[in-house]
N, C-alpha and C. Protein backbone atom coordinates (compact mmCIF):
# COMPACT_ATOMS: atom_id res chain seq x y z
N UNK A 1 95.95 45.83 103.52
CA UNK A 1 95.40 46.97 104.19
C UNK A 1 93.95 47.17 103.73
N UNK A 2 93.13 47.74 104.56
CA UNK A 2 91.73 47.95 104.24
C UNK A 2 91.50 49.16 103.36
N UNK A 3 90.35 49.17 102.73
CA UNK A 3 89.95 50.30 101.90
C UNK A 3 89.22 51.32 102.75
N UNK A 4 89.35 52.59 102.35
CA UNK A 4 88.62 53.65 103.04
C UNK A 4 87.19 53.65 102.54
N UNK A 5 86.26 53.70 103.47
CA UNK A 5 84.84 53.78 103.15
C UNK A 5 84.30 55.05 103.78
N UNK A 6 83.73 55.90 102.96
CA UNK A 6 83.15 57.12 103.51
C UNK A 6 81.90 56.77 104.32
N UNK A 7 81.60 57.52 105.36
CA UNK A 7 80.50 57.17 106.25
C UNK A 7 79.13 57.21 105.60
N UNK A 8 78.95 57.99 104.55
CA UNK A 8 77.64 58.10 103.92
C UNK A 8 77.53 57.33 102.61
N UNK A 9 78.45 56.43 102.34
CA UNK A 9 78.40 55.61 101.13
C UNK A 9 77.58 54.35 101.44
N UNK A 10 76.25 54.54 101.48
CA UNK A 10 75.37 53.46 101.88
C UNK A 10 75.36 52.31 100.89
N UNK A 11 75.54 52.60 99.62
CA UNK A 11 75.55 51.53 98.62
C UNK A 11 76.70 50.57 98.87
N UNK A 12 77.87 51.09 99.13
CA UNK A 12 79.01 50.22 99.39
C UNK A 12 78.87 49.51 100.72
N UNK A 13 78.37 50.20 101.73
CA UNK A 13 78.24 49.60 103.06
C UNK A 13 77.22 48.46 103.04
N UNK A 14 76.04 48.73 102.49
CA UNK A 14 74.97 47.72 102.54
C UNK A 14 75.21 46.61 101.53
N UNK A 15 75.50 46.97 100.29
CA UNK A 15 75.62 45.94 99.26
C UNK A 15 76.91 45.15 99.36
N UNK A 16 78.03 45.81 99.48
CA UNK A 16 79.30 45.11 99.43
C UNK A 16 79.70 44.48 100.76
N UNK A 17 79.55 45.22 101.83
CA UNK A 17 80.05 44.73 103.11
C UNK A 17 79.02 43.90 103.87
N UNK A 18 77.76 44.31 103.86
CA UNK A 18 76.76 43.62 104.67
C UNK A 18 76.16 42.42 103.95
N UNK A 19 75.71 42.62 102.70
CA UNK A 19 75.02 41.55 101.99
C UNK A 19 75.94 40.74 101.09
N UNK A 20 76.91 41.36 100.47
CA UNK A 20 77.86 40.63 99.66
C UNK A 20 77.57 40.64 98.17
N UNK A 21 76.33 40.65 97.76
CA UNK A 21 75.97 40.61 96.33
C UNK A 21 74.67 41.39 96.14
N UNK A 22 74.52 42.09 95.02
CA UNK A 22 73.29 42.88 94.83
C UNK A 22 72.00 42.05 94.81
N UNK A 23 72.06 40.80 94.41
CA UNK A 23 70.84 39.99 94.40
C UNK A 23 70.36 39.67 95.82
N UNK A 24 71.25 39.71 96.78
CA UNK A 24 70.86 39.46 98.16
C UNK A 24 70.07 40.64 98.74
N UNK A 25 70.20 41.81 98.14
CA UNK A 25 69.41 42.97 98.57
C UNK A 25 67.93 42.70 98.37
N UNK A 26 67.58 42.08 97.27
CA UNK A 26 66.17 41.78 97.00
C UNK A 26 65.61 40.82 98.03
N UNK A 27 66.34 39.76 98.31
CA UNK A 27 65.86 38.78 99.28
C UNK A 27 65.77 39.37 100.68
N UNK A 28 66.76 40.14 101.07
CA UNK A 28 66.74 40.73 102.41
C UNK A 28 65.61 41.74 102.56
N UNK A 29 65.35 42.53 101.55
CA UNK A 29 64.29 43.53 101.66
C UNK A 29 62.91 42.89 101.63
N UNK A 30 62.72 41.83 100.84
CA UNK A 30 61.42 41.16 100.81
C UNK A 30 61.15 40.46 102.15
N UNK A 31 62.17 39.85 102.72
CA UNK A 31 61.97 39.22 104.03
C UNK A 31 61.69 40.28 105.10
N UNK A 32 62.35 41.43 105.02
CA UNK A 32 62.09 42.52 105.96
C UNK A 32 60.66 43.05 105.81
N UNK A 33 60.23 43.26 104.57
CA UNK A 33 58.87 43.76 104.33
C UNK A 33 57.83 42.74 104.81
N UNK A 34 58.08 41.47 104.53
CA UNK A 34 57.13 40.43 104.95
C UNK A 34 57.05 40.31 106.46
N UNK A 35 58.18 40.37 107.11
CA UNK A 35 58.15 40.23 108.57
C UNK A 35 57.51 41.45 109.24
N UNK A 36 57.76 42.64 108.73
CA UNK A 36 57.11 43.82 109.31
C UNK A 36 55.60 43.82 109.04
N UNK A 37 55.20 43.36 107.87
CA UNK A 37 53.77 43.28 107.57
C UNK A 37 53.08 42.26 108.46
N UNK A 38 53.75 41.15 108.72
CA UNK A 38 53.16 40.15 109.62
C UNK A 38 53.13 40.66 111.06
N UNK A 39 54.17 41.36 111.46
CA UNK A 39 54.23 41.87 112.83
C UNK A 39 53.10 42.86 113.11
N UNK A 40 52.81 43.73 112.15
CA UNK A 40 51.77 44.73 112.34
C UNK A 40 50.42 44.28 111.80
N UNK A 41 50.28 42.99 111.48
CA UNK A 41 49.02 42.36 111.06
C UNK A 41 48.35 43.11 109.92
N UNK A 42 49.10 43.33 108.86
CA UNK A 42 48.58 43.98 107.67
C UNK A 42 47.62 43.03 106.94
N UNK A 43 46.62 43.57 106.28
CA UNK A 43 45.68 42.71 105.57
C UNK A 43 46.37 42.07 104.36
N UNK A 44 45.83 40.94 103.93
CA UNK A 44 46.44 40.19 102.83
C UNK A 44 46.46 40.97 101.53
N UNK A 45 45.42 41.70 101.27
CA UNK A 45 45.32 42.45 100.01
C UNK A 45 46.39 43.54 99.93
N UNK A 46 46.55 44.29 101.00
CA UNK A 46 47.57 45.34 101.02
C UNK A 46 48.98 44.77 100.97
N UNK A 47 49.19 43.67 101.67
CA UNK A 47 50.50 43.04 101.66
C UNK A 47 50.87 42.54 100.26
N UNK A 48 49.94 41.89 99.58
CA UNK A 48 50.24 41.38 98.25
C UNK A 48 50.49 42.51 97.26
N UNK A 49 49.81 43.63 97.43
CA UNK A 49 50.06 44.79 96.56
C UNK A 49 51.46 45.34 96.79
N UNK A 50 51.84 45.52 98.05
CA UNK A 50 53.18 46.01 98.37
C UNK A 50 54.25 45.02 97.91
N UNK A 51 53.99 43.73 98.09
CA UNK A 51 54.93 42.70 97.69
C UNK A 51 55.14 42.69 96.17
N UNK A 52 54.05 42.84 95.42
CA UNK A 52 54.17 42.86 93.96
C UNK A 52 54.96 44.08 93.48
N UNK A 53 54.69 45.23 94.04
CA UNK A 53 55.40 46.45 93.63
C UNK A 53 56.88 46.36 93.99
N UNK A 54 57.18 45.92 95.20
CA UNK A 54 58.59 45.81 95.60
C UNK A 54 59.32 44.74 94.81
N UNK A 55 58.66 43.64 94.51
CA UNK A 55 59.30 42.58 93.72
C UNK A 55 59.61 43.06 92.31
N UNK A 56 58.70 43.80 91.72
CA UNK A 56 58.95 44.34 90.37
C UNK A 56 60.11 45.33 90.37
N UNK A 57 60.14 46.20 91.37
CA UNK A 57 61.23 47.18 91.43
C UNK A 57 62.58 46.51 91.65
N UNK A 58 62.63 45.55 92.54
CA UNK A 58 63.90 44.88 92.83
C UNK A 58 64.33 43.97 91.69
N UNK A 59 63.39 43.37 90.97
CA UNK A 59 63.75 42.56 89.82
C UNK A 59 64.30 43.43 88.71
N UNK A 60 63.74 44.62 88.54
CA UNK A 60 64.29 45.54 87.54
C UNK A 60 65.68 46.00 87.94
N UNK A 61 65.94 46.11 89.23
CA UNK A 61 67.26 46.50 89.70
C UNK A 61 68.28 45.39 89.45
N UNK A 62 67.89 44.16 89.70
CA UNK A 62 68.80 43.03 89.52
C UNK A 62 68.99 42.72 88.04
N UNK A 63 67.91 42.73 87.28
CA UNK A 63 68.00 42.53 85.84
C UNK A 63 67.62 41.14 85.37
N UNK A 64 67.22 40.25 86.25
CA UNK A 64 66.82 38.91 85.85
C UNK A 64 65.37 38.69 86.27
N UNK A 65 64.54 38.31 85.31
CA UNK A 65 63.10 38.23 85.56
C UNK A 65 62.69 36.99 86.34
N UNK A 66 63.52 35.97 86.41
CA UNK A 66 63.16 34.77 87.15
C UNK A 66 63.09 35.03 88.64
N UNK A 67 63.78 36.06 89.09
CA UNK A 67 63.78 36.38 90.52
C UNK A 67 62.41 36.83 91.03
N UNK A 68 61.54 37.32 90.15
CA UNK A 68 60.25 37.82 90.63
C UNK A 68 59.40 36.69 91.19
N UNK A 69 59.47 35.52 90.57
CA UNK A 69 58.70 34.38 91.07
C UNK A 69 59.25 33.93 92.42
N UNK A 70 60.55 33.86 92.51
CA UNK A 70 61.18 33.43 93.76
C UNK A 70 60.90 34.43 94.87
N UNK A 71 60.97 35.72 94.55
CA UNK A 71 60.74 36.75 95.57
C UNK A 71 59.30 36.72 96.08
N UNK A 72 58.34 36.53 95.19
CA UNK A 72 56.94 36.50 95.61
C UNK A 72 56.67 35.28 96.47
N UNK A 73 57.20 34.13 96.09
CA UNK A 73 56.98 32.91 96.88
C UNK A 73 57.62 33.05 98.26
N UNK A 74 58.84 33.54 98.31
CA UNK A 74 59.51 33.72 99.60
C UNK A 74 58.76 34.73 100.47
N UNK A 75 58.29 35.81 99.87
CA UNK A 75 57.55 36.81 100.62
C UNK A 75 56.25 36.30 101.19
N UNK A 76 55.50 35.55 100.40
CA UNK A 76 54.21 35.03 100.87
C UNK A 76 54.41 33.99 101.96
N UNK A 77 55.37 33.10 101.77
CA UNK A 77 55.63 32.08 102.79
C UNK A 77 56.08 32.72 104.10
N UNK A 78 56.95 33.71 104.01
CA UNK A 78 57.41 34.39 105.22
C UNK A 78 56.26 35.12 105.90
N UNK A 79 55.43 35.78 105.13
CA UNK A 79 54.31 36.53 105.70
C UNK A 79 53.35 35.61 106.43
N UNK A 80 52.93 34.53 105.78
CA UNK A 80 51.96 33.65 106.40
C UNK A 80 52.53 32.89 107.58
N UNK A 81 53.77 32.49 107.51
CA UNK A 81 54.35 31.77 108.65
C UNK A 81 54.56 32.70 109.85
N UNK A 82 55.03 33.92 109.61
CA UNK A 82 55.24 34.84 110.72
C UNK A 82 53.92 35.40 111.26
N UNK A 83 52.92 35.54 110.41
CA UNK A 83 51.65 36.05 110.91
C UNK A 83 50.99 35.03 111.85
N UNK A 84 51.25 33.75 111.63
CA UNK A 84 50.72 32.72 112.55
C UNK A 84 51.49 32.75 113.88
N UNK A 85 52.75 33.11 113.83
CA UNK A 85 53.55 33.15 115.06
C UNK A 85 53.21 34.37 115.91
N UNK A 86 52.88 35.49 115.30
CA UNK A 86 52.64 36.73 116.03
C UNK A 86 51.22 36.85 116.56
N UNK A 87 50.34 35.94 116.21
CA UNK A 87 48.94 36.04 116.65
C UNK A 87 48.79 35.60 118.08
């Protein structure tokens, strides 16, 4: 039988049911931030500042420092590839 999930329990809904693991939250949010920044043609300087701040916050949430390098690389690659597609 299924478990009851309250409608406003966003942590359980997003982390457990949608993404599956808390480390996937960091990757999903960085890809979302990168794609929205590319869609709205944000300047490189502002994007890198937002990317650095979000990567630091999400790495502190996950607890492993190696993820910051991976998150920044994934964010920059996503931003530059999508910004070429949206032009």
